[in-house]
């Protein structure tokens, strides 16, 4: 079980995907630039087999913004987009309404 105190340490924010590029060293990864309000962050996401870059550009997504940065195949990722998975399908968490980038998700 995760305590409420542990859960409250997670910073979930809305983000808008500004740019999507192929990862230079991995066939299944994208490198995304995401506006999270006060800044733009870079994410590396293993969703290339599920989305085209055109599908992702402009999407409003949910991002874990206070995750420790990690290098994935030589490219830094400074957060994580949230997605649901069922067997071989992955769907990123999105929302329809235009909330300002960086809005807290609770």
N, C-alpha and C. Protein backbone atom coordinates (compact mmCIF):
# COMPACT_ATOMS: atom_id res chain seq x y z
N UNK A 1 0.83 -1.19 0.00
CA UNK A 1 0.00 0.00 0.00
C UNK A 1 0.87 1.25 0.00
N UNK A 2 0.41 2.24 -0.70
CA UNK A 2 1.07 3.54 -0.73
C UNK A 2 0.32 4.46 0.22
N UNK A 3 1.05 5.12 1.08
CA UNK A 3 0.39 6.03 2.02
C UNK A 3 -0.07 7.29 1.29
N UNK A 4 -1.02 7.99 1.88
CA UNK A 4 -1.49 9.25 1.31
C UNK A 4 -0.34 10.25 1.25
N UNK A 5 0.52 10.25 2.26
CA UNK A 5 1.67 11.16 2.27
C UNK A 5 2.59 10.88 1.08
N UNK A 6 2.83 9.60 0.78
CA UNK A 6 3.66 9.26 -0.38
C UNK A 6 2.99 9.70 -1.68
N UNK A 7 1.69 9.45 -1.79
CA UNK A 7 0.96 9.85 -2.99
C UNK A 7 0.99 11.36 -3.17
N UNK A 8 0.88 12.10 -2.09
CA UNK A 8 0.84 13.56 -2.19
C UNK A 8 2.17 14.16 -2.63
N UNK A 9 3.23 13.36 -2.63
CA UNK A 9 4.53 13.84 -3.12
C UNK A 9 4.58 13.90 -4.65
N UNK A 10 3.68 13.18 -5.31
CA UNK A 10 3.65 13.17 -6.76
C UNK A 10 3.04 14.47 -7.28
N UNK A 11 3.72 15.10 -8.23
CA UNK A 11 3.21 16.33 -8.83
C UNK A 11 2.73 16.01 -10.24
N UNK A 12 1.42 15.94 -10.38
CA UNK A 12 0.78 15.67 -11.66
C UNK A 12 0.25 16.98 -12.21
N UNK A 13 0.62 17.29 -13.44
CA UNK A 13 0.21 18.55 -14.07
C UNK A 13 -0.27 18.30 -15.49
N UNK A 14 -1.05 19.25 -15.98
CA UNK A 14 -1.44 19.21 -17.38
C UNK A 14 -0.29 19.70 -18.23
N UNK A 15 -0.19 19.17 -19.42
CA UNK A 15 0.84 19.59 -20.35
C UNK A 15 0.32 19.58 -21.77
N UNK A 16 0.93 20.40 -22.61
CA UNK A 16 0.57 20.43 -24.02
C UNK A 16 1.78 20.01 -24.83
N UNK A 17 1.60 18.98 -25.67
CA UNK A 17 2.70 18.48 -26.50
C UNK A 17 2.98 19.49 -27.61
N UNK A 18 4.18 20.04 -27.59
CA UNK A 18 4.58 21.04 -28.57
C UNK A 18 5.32 20.45 -29.75
N UNK A 19 6.13 19.42 -29.47
CA UNK A 19 7.01 18.86 -30.50
C UNK A 19 7.20 17.38 -30.25
N UNK A 20 7.28 16.61 -31.33
CA UNK A 20 7.51 15.16 -31.25
C UNK A 20 8.58 14.80 -32.28
N UNK A 21 9.63 14.14 -31.81
CA UNK A 21 10.70 13.70 -32.71
C UNK A 21 11.01 12.24 -32.45
N UNK A 22 11.52 11.57 -33.46
CA UNK A 22 12.00 10.20 -33.28
C UNK A 22 13.22 10.21 -32.37
N UNK A 23 13.33 9.23 -31.51
CA UNK A 23 14.52 9.09 -30.67
C UNK A 23 15.67 8.67 -31.58
N UNK A 24 16.86 9.29 -31.42
CA UNK A 24 17.96 8.98 -32.33
C UNK A 24 18.56 7.58 -32.14
N UNK A 25 18.30 6.94 -31.00
CA UNK A 25 18.93 5.65 -30.71
C UNK A 25 17.95 4.54 -30.36
N UNK A 26 16.67 4.72 -30.69
CA UNK A 26 15.68 3.70 -30.34
C UNK A 26 14.49 3.77 -31.30
N UNK A 27 14.08 2.63 -31.80
CA UNK A 27 13.00 2.57 -32.78
C UNK A 27 11.61 2.76 -32.18
N UNK A 28 11.43 2.47 -30.90
CA UNK A 28 10.10 2.51 -30.29
C UNK A 28 9.86 3.74 -29.42
N UNK A 29 10.83 4.66 -29.38
CA UNK A 29 10.73 5.82 -28.49
C UNK A 29 10.57 7.13 -29.26
N UNK A 30 9.80 8.04 -28.67
CA UNK A 30 9.70 9.42 -29.13
C UNK A 30 10.38 10.32 -28.11
N UNK A 31 10.84 11.47 -28.57
CA UNK A 31 11.31 12.54 -27.69
C UNK A 31 10.30 13.67 -27.86
N UNK A 32 9.66 14.04 -26.75
CA UNK A 32 8.62 15.06 -26.79
C UNK A 32 9.05 16.30 -26.02
N UNK A 33 8.64 17.46 -26.51
CA UNK A 33 8.74 18.72 -25.78
C UNK A 33 7.34 19.04 -25.33
N UNK A 34 7.19 19.25 -24.00
CA UNK A 34 5.86 19.45 -23.42
C UNK A 34 5.84 20.72 -22.59
N UNK A 35 4.89 21.59 -22.87
CA UNK A 35 4.69 22.81 -22.09
C UNK A 35 3.93 22.43 -20.82
N UNK A 36 4.54 22.69 -19.65
CA UNK A 36 3.87 22.40 -18.37
C UNK A 36 3.64 23.70 -17.58
N UNK A 37 3.46 24.78 -18.30
CA UNK A 37 3.17 26.05 -17.65
C UNK A 37 4.39 26.92 -17.48
N UNK A 38 5.09 26.76 -16.37
CA UNK A 38 6.23 27.63 -16.10
C UNK A 38 7.45 27.32 -16.95
N UNK A 39 7.45 26.16 -17.63
CA UNK A 39 8.58 25.80 -18.47
C UNK A 39 8.17 24.70 -19.45
N UNK A 40 9.06 24.42 -20.37
CA UNK A 40 8.90 23.31 -21.30
C UNK A 40 9.89 22.23 -20.91
N UNK A 41 9.40 20.98 -20.81
CA UNK A 41 10.27 19.87 -20.44
C UNK A 41 10.37 18.87 -21.59
N UNK A 42 11.39 18.05 -21.51
CA UNK A 42 11.59 16.99 -22.49
C UNK A 42 11.23 15.66 -21.86
N UNK A 43 10.46 14.86 -22.58
CA UNK A 43 10.09 13.53 -22.13
C UNK A 43 10.51 12.52 -23.19
N UNK A 44 10.90 11.35 -22.77
CA UNK A 44 11.12 10.22 -23.68
C UNK A 44 10.03 9.21 -23.37
N UNK A 45 9.29 8.82 -24.41
CA UNK A 45 8.13 7.95 -24.20
C UNK A 45 8.14 6.79 -25.19
N UNK A 46 7.86 5.60 -24.68
CA UNK A 46 7.81 4.39 -25.50
C UNK A 46 6.45 4.15 -26.09
N UNK A 47 5.98 5.09 -26.88
CA UNK A 47 4.63 5.00 -27.44
C UNK A 47 4.60 5.06 -28.96
N UNK A 48 5.75 4.92 -29.58
CA UNK A 48 5.84 5.07 -31.04
C UNK A 48 5.03 4.03 -31.79
N UNK A 49 4.89 2.84 -31.24
CA UNK A 49 4.09 1.80 -31.90
C UNK A 49 2.59 2.03 -31.75
N UNK A 50 2.20 3.05 -30.98
CA UNK A 50 0.79 3.28 -30.69
C UNK A 50 0.27 4.63 -31.20
N UNK A 51 1.18 5.56 -31.47
CA UNK A 51 0.79 6.91 -31.91
C UNK A 51 1.75 7.40 -32.99
N UNK A 52 1.22 8.15 -33.94
CA UNK A 52 2.09 8.86 -34.87
C UNK A 52 2.46 10.20 -34.24
N UNK A 53 3.50 10.81 -34.74
CA UNK A 53 3.89 12.12 -34.20
C UNK A 53 2.77 13.14 -34.43
N UNK A 54 2.06 13.03 -35.55
CA UNK A 54 0.95 13.94 -35.83
C UNK A 54 -0.19 13.76 -34.84
N UNK A 55 -0.42 12.52 -34.39
CA UNK A 55 -1.46 12.26 -33.40
C UNK A 55 -1.15 12.95 -32.07
N UNK A 56 0.13 13.06 -31.74
CA UNK A 56 0.53 13.58 -30.43
C UNK A 56 0.65 15.10 -30.38
N UNK A 57 1.06 15.72 -31.47
CA UNK A 57 1.26 17.17 -31.48
C UNK A 57 -0.03 17.90 -31.13
N UNK A 58 0.08 18.79 -30.13
CA UNK A 58 -1.07 19.58 -29.72
C UNK A 58 -1.96 18.93 -28.68
N UNK A 59 -1.70 17.66 -28.34
CA UNK A 59 -2.52 16.96 -27.34
C UNK A 59 -2.31 17.54 -25.95
N UNK A 60 -3.40 17.58 -25.19
CA UNK A 60 -3.35 17.94 -23.77
C UNK A 60 -3.22 16.64 -23.00
N UNK A 61 -2.13 16.49 -22.25
CA UNK A 61 -1.83 15.23 -21.57
C UNK A 61 -1.61 15.47 -20.08
N UNK A 62 -1.51 14.39 -19.33
CA UNK A 62 -1.19 14.43 -17.91
C UNK A 62 0.24 13.95 -17.73
N UNK A 63 1.03 14.74 -16.97
CA UNK A 63 2.46 14.48 -16.83
C UNK A 63 2.85 14.45 -15.35
N UNK A 64 3.66 13.47 -14.99
CA UNK A 64 4.31 13.45 -13.68
C UNK A 64 5.55 14.32 -13.83
N UNK A 65 5.55 15.48 -13.15
CA UNK A 65 6.58 16.49 -13.41
C UNK A 65 7.73 16.49 -12.41
N UNK A 66 7.59 15.83 -11.29
CA UNK A 66 8.68 15.86 -10.31
C UNK A 66 9.39 14.51 -10.19
N UNK A 67 9.39 13.77 -11.28
CA UNK A 67 10.13 12.51 -11.33
C UNK A 67 11.61 12.81 -11.55
N UNK A 68 12.46 12.07 -10.90
CA UNK A 68 13.90 12.25 -11.07
C UNK A 68 14.26 12.07 -12.55
N UNK A 69 15.03 13.02 -13.12
CA UNK A 69 15.43 12.88 -14.53
C UNK A 69 16.20 11.59 -14.77
N UNK A 70 16.01 11.03 -15.97
CA UNK A 70 16.67 9.78 -16.32
C UNK A 70 17.06 9.83 -17.79
N UNK A 71 18.22 9.28 -18.10
CA UNK A 71 18.66 9.18 -19.48
C UNK A 71 18.17 7.85 -20.06
N UNK A 72 17.43 7.93 -21.16
CA UNK A 72 16.91 6.74 -21.82
C UNK A 72 17.57 6.63 -23.18
N UNK A 73 18.49 5.67 -23.29
CA UNK A 73 19.26 5.45 -24.52
C UNK A 73 19.96 6.73 -24.98
N UNK A 74 20.49 7.46 -23.99
CA UNK A 74 21.30 8.63 -24.29
C UNK A 74 20.56 9.95 -24.38
N UNK A 75 19.26 9.95 -24.15
CA UNK A 75 18.47 11.19 -24.19
C UNK A 75 17.79 11.37 -22.84
N UNK A 76 17.92 12.59 -22.27
CA UNK A 76 17.34 12.86 -20.95
C UNK A 76 15.83 13.01 -21.01
N UNK A 77 15.17 12.41 -20.01
CA UNK A 77 13.74 12.52 -19.84
C UNK A 77 13.48 13.13 -18.47
N UNK A 78 12.73 14.23 -18.43
CA UNK A 78 12.52 14.99 -17.19
C UNK A 78 11.08 14.89 -16.71
N UNK A 79 10.49 13.75 -16.78
CA UNK A 79 9.13 13.52 -16.34
C UNK A 79 8.59 12.29 -17.02
N UNK A 80 7.29 12.07 -16.87
CA UNK A 80 6.66 10.89 -17.48
C UNK A 80 5.22 11.22 -17.82
N UNK A 81 4.83 10.92 -19.06
CA UNK A 81 3.41 11.06 -19.38
C UNK A 81 2.69 9.85 -18.81
N UNK A 82 1.42 10.03 -18.48
CA UNK A 82 0.63 8.94 -17.94
C UNK A 82 -0.15 8.26 -19.05
N UNK A 83 -0.21 6.94 -18.97
CA UNK A 83 -0.91 6.15 -19.99
C UNK A 83 -1.53 4.93 -19.34
N UNK A 84 -2.54 4.40 -19.99
CA UNK A 84 -3.18 3.15 -19.56
C UNK A 84 -2.80 2.07 -20.56
N UNK A 85 -2.62 0.84 -20.04
CA UNK A 85 -2.25 -0.27 -20.91
C UNK A 85 -3.18 -1.44 -20.66
N UNK A 86 -3.63 -2.05 -21.75
CA UNK A 86 -4.42 -3.27 -21.71
C UNK A 86 -3.86 -4.20 -22.76
N UNK A 87 -3.23 -5.26 -22.31
CA UNK A 87 -2.55 -6.21 -23.18
C UNK A 87 -1.58 -5.46 -24.08
N UNK A 88 -1.80 -5.41 -25.38
CA UNK A 88 -0.84 -4.76 -26.28
C UNK A 88 -1.26 -3.34 -26.69
N UNK A 89 -2.27 -2.78 -26.06
CA UNK A 89 -2.74 -1.43 -26.37
C UNK A 89 -2.30 -0.46 -25.30
N UNK A 90 -1.84 0.72 -25.71
CA UNK A 90 -1.48 1.80 -24.80
C UNK A 90 -2.23 3.05 -25.23
N UNK A 91 -2.86 3.73 -24.27
CA UNK A 91 -3.57 4.98 -24.52
C UNK A 91 -3.10 6.01 -23.50
N UNK A 92 -2.59 7.15 -24.02
CA UNK A 92 -2.15 8.19 -23.10
C UNK A 92 -3.37 8.89 -22.49
N UNK A 93 -3.20 9.39 -21.26
CA UNK A 93 -4.28 10.11 -20.60
C UNK A 93 -4.32 11.52 -21.16
N UNK A 94 -5.46 11.88 -21.72
CA UNK A 94 -5.67 13.19 -22.31
C UNK A 94 -6.93 13.79 -21.72
N UNK A 95 -7.17 15.06 -22.04
CA UNK A 95 -8.42 15.70 -21.64
C UNK A 95 -8.83 16.64 -22.76
N UNK A 96 -10.14 16.85 -22.88
CA UNK A 96 -10.68 17.63 -23.98
C UNK A 96 -10.64 19.13 -23.74
N UNK A 97 -10.89 19.54 -22.52
CA UNK A 97 -10.99 20.96 -22.21
C UNK A 97 -9.62 21.62 -22.26
N UNK A 98 -9.59 22.88 -22.62
CA UNK A 98 -8.33 23.63 -22.68
C UNK A 98 -8.00 24.26 -21.34
N UNK A 99 -7.55 23.46 -20.40
CA UNK A 99 -7.03 24.00 -19.15
C UNK A 99 -5.66 24.59 -19.43
N UNK A 100 -5.25 25.58 -18.66
CA UNK A 100 -3.90 26.12 -18.87
C UNK A 100 -2.85 25.05 -18.60
N UNK A 101 -1.80 25.03 -19.43
CA UNK A 101 -0.69 24.10 -19.20
C UNK A 101 -0.12 24.35 -17.81
N UNK A 102 0.16 23.27 -17.11
CA UNK A 102 0.70 23.37 -15.75
C UNK A 102 -0.34 23.28 -14.67
N UNK A 103 -1.63 23.16 -15.04
CA UNK A 103 -2.69 23.02 -14.02
C UNK A 103 -2.46 21.74 -13.22
N UNK A 104 -2.69 21.81 -11.92
CA UNK A 104 -2.53 20.64 -11.06
C UNK A 104 -3.60 19.61 -11.34
N UNK A 105 -3.22 18.35 -11.35
CA UNK A 105 -4.17 17.23 -11.47
C UNK A 105 -4.28 16.61 -10.10
N UNK A 106 -5.51 16.46 -9.64
CA UNK A 106 -5.73 15.91 -8.29
C UNK A 106 -6.66 14.74 -8.35
